[in-house]
């Protein structure tokens, strides 16, 4: 009783088509699709930038050598 069936959605779609017309709805859906496509492209660009930033922070890309981890130091105090 609380949910909307397929018939309810079809009636709503029919009323929207009557109010706005098919041309405006198709234009609106086209703009919506372009927005989603642009959003996905920007996400892909951000992932590419993050990958470049991560590769620059790897230890092999540093110019100074890393300290030797195998040496032990004795505290003489």
C-alpha atoms as a PDB file:
ATOM      1  CA  UNK A   1       0.000   0.000   0.000  1.00  0.00           C
ATOM      2  CA  UNK A   2       2.897   2.368   0.768  1.00  0.00           C
ATOM      3  CA  UNK A   3       4.921   1.545  -2.348  1.00  0.00           C
ATOM      4  CA  UNK A   4       4.293   2.759  -5.854  1.00  0.00           C
ATOM      5  CA  UNK A   5       3.510   0.169  -8.496  1.00  0.00           C
ATOM      6  CA  UNK A   6       4.457   0.317 -12.152  1.00  0.00           C
ATOM      7  CA  UNK A   7       1.034   1.777 -12.990  1.00  0.00           C
ATOM      8  CA  UNK A   8       1.617   4.707 -10.642  1.00  0.00           C
ATOM      9  CA  UNK A   9       4.952   5.460 -12.330  1.00  0.00           C
ATOM     10  CA  UNK A  10       3.374   5.243 -15.793  1.00  0.00           C
ATOM     11  CA  UNK A  11       0.658   7.711 -14.801  1.00  0.00           C
ATOM     12  CA  UNK A  12       3.267  10.097 -13.365  1.00  0.00           C
ATOM     13  CA  UNK A  13       5.318   9.791 -16.572  1.00  0.00           C
ATOM     14  CA  UNK A  14       2.209  10.486 -18.672  1.00  0.00           C
ATOM     15  CA  UNK A  15       1.386  13.617 -16.645  1.00  0.00           C
ATOM     16  CA  UNK A  16       4.977  14.856 -16.922  1.00  0.00           C
ATOM     17  CA  UNK A  17       4.851  14.347 -20.696  1.00  0.00           C
ATOM     18  CA  UNK A  18       1.601  16.309 -20.889  1.00  0.00           C
ATOM     19  CA  UNK A  19       2.909  19.181 -18.799  1.00  0.00           C
ATOM     20  CA  UNK A  20       6.391  19.554 -20.266  1.00  0.00           C
ATOM     21  CA  UNK A  21       6.073  17.960 -23.691  1.00  0.00           C
ATOM     22  CA  UNK A  22       8.354  15.336 -25.166  1.00  0.00           C
ATOM     23  CA  UNK A  23      10.877  17.852 -26.536  1.00  0.00           C
ATOM     24  CA  UNK A  24      11.685  19.389 -23.172  1.00  0.00           C
ATOM     25  CA  UNK A  25      11.938  16.015 -21.460  1.00  0.00           C
ATOM     26  CA  UNK A  26      14.310  14.652 -24.103  1.00  0.00           C
ATOM     27  CA  UNK A  27      16.455  17.795 -23.890  1.00  0.00           C
ATOM     28  CA  UNK A  28      16.522  17.522 -20.118  1.00  0.00           C
ATOM     29  CA  UNK A  29      17.570  13.859 -20.284  1.00  0.00           C
ATOM     30  CA  UNK A  30      20.272  14.733 -22.841  1.00  0.00           C
ATOM     31  CA  UNK A  31      21.689  17.402 -20.552  1.00  0.00           C
ATOM     32  CA  UNK A  32      21.514  14.974 -17.629  1.00  0.00           C
ATOM     33  CA  UNK A  33      23.485  12.395 -19.641  1.00  0.00           C
ATOM     34  CA  UNK A  34      26.120  14.981 -20.570  1.00  0.00           C
ATOM     35  CA  UNK A  35      26.478  15.925 -16.911  1.00  0.00           C
ATOM     36  CA  UNK A  36      27.001  12.308 -15.877  1.00  0.00           C
ATOM     37  CA  UNK A  37      29.563  11.807 -18.650  1.00  0.00           C
ATOM     38  CA  UNK A  38      31.461  14.920 -17.559  1.00  0.00           C
ATOM     39  CA  UNK A  39      31.347  13.759 -13.949  1.00  0.00           C
ATOM     40  CA  UNK A  40      32.832  10.366 -14.868  1.00  0.00           C
ATOM     41  CA  UNK A  41      35.583  12.002 -16.935  1.00  0.00           C
ATOM     42  CA  UNK A  42      36.505  14.256 -14.000  1.00  0.00           C
ATOM     43  CA  UNK A  43      36.617  11.260 -11.671  1.00  0.00           C
ATOM     44  CA  UNK A  44      38.937   9.470 -14.087  1.00  0.00           C
ATOM     45  CA  UNK A  45      41.168  12.567 -14.252  1.00  0.00           C
ATOM     46  CA  UNK A  46      41.332  12.725 -10.441  1.00  0.00           C
ATOM     47  CA  UNK A  47      42.258   9.033 -10.251  1.00  0.00           C
ATOM     48  CA  UNK A  48      45.040   9.635 -12.776  1.00  0.00           C
ATOM     49  CA  UNK A  49      46.383  12.548 -10.751  1.00  0.00           C
ATOM     50  CA  UNK A  50      46.315  10.504  -7.541  1.00  0.00           C
ATOM     51  CA  UNK A  51      48.248   7.737  -9.290  1.00  0.00           C
ATOM     52  CA  UNK A  52      50.916  10.227 -10.355  1.00  0.00           C
ATOM     53  CA  UNK A  53      51.182  11.641  -6.825  1.00  0.00           C
ATOM     54  CA  UNK A  54      51.548   8.154  -5.359  1.00  0.00           C
ATOM     55  CA  UNK A  55      54.325   7.235  -7.803  1.00  0.00           C
ATOM     56  CA  UNK A  56      56.287  10.336  -6.801  1.00  0.00           C
ATOM     57  CA  UNK A  57      56.242   9.355  -3.133  1.00  0.00           C
ATOM     58  CA  UNK A  58      57.834   5.928  -3.653  1.00  0.00           C
ATOM     59  CA  UNK A  59      61.224   5.496  -1.971  1.00  0.00           C
ATOM     60  CA  UNK A  60      63.006   4.674  -5.233  1.00  0.00           C
ATOM     61  CA  UNK A  61      62.143   8.101  -6.590  1.00  0.00           C
ATOM     62  CA  UNK A  62      63.957   9.953  -3.791  1.00  0.00           C
ATOM     63  CA  UNK A  63      67.306  11.505  -4.605  1.00  0.00           C
ATOM     64  CA  UNK A  64      68.857  10.872  -1.165  1.00  0.00           C
ATOM     65  CA  UNK A  65      69.624   7.290  -0.088  1.00  0.00           C
ATOM     66  CA  UNK A  66      67.526   5.799   2.680  1.00  0.00           C
ATOM     67  CA  UNK A  67      69.230   4.942   5.978  1.00  0.00           C
ATOM     68  CA  UNK A  68      70.278   1.337   6.396  1.00  0.00           C
ATOM     69  CA  UNK A  69      67.605  -0.459   8.383  1.00  0.00           C
ATOM     70  CA  UNK A  70      69.868  -3.377   9.366  1.00  0.00           C
ATOM     71  CA  UNK A  71      72.285  -1.369  11.516  1.00  0.00           C
ATOM     72  CA  UNK A  72      71.656  -1.231  15.227  1.00  0.00           C
ATOM     73  CA  UNK A  73      72.729   1.678  17.340  1.00  0.00           C
ATOM     74  CA  UNK A  74      73.865   1.430  20.913  1.00  0.00           C
ATOM     75  CA  UNK A  75      72.867   4.195  23.205  1.00  0.00           C
ATOM     76  CA  UNK A  76      75.932   5.117  25.269  1.00  0.00           C
ATOM     77  CA  UNK A  77      74.490   7.201  27.980  1.00  0.00           C
END
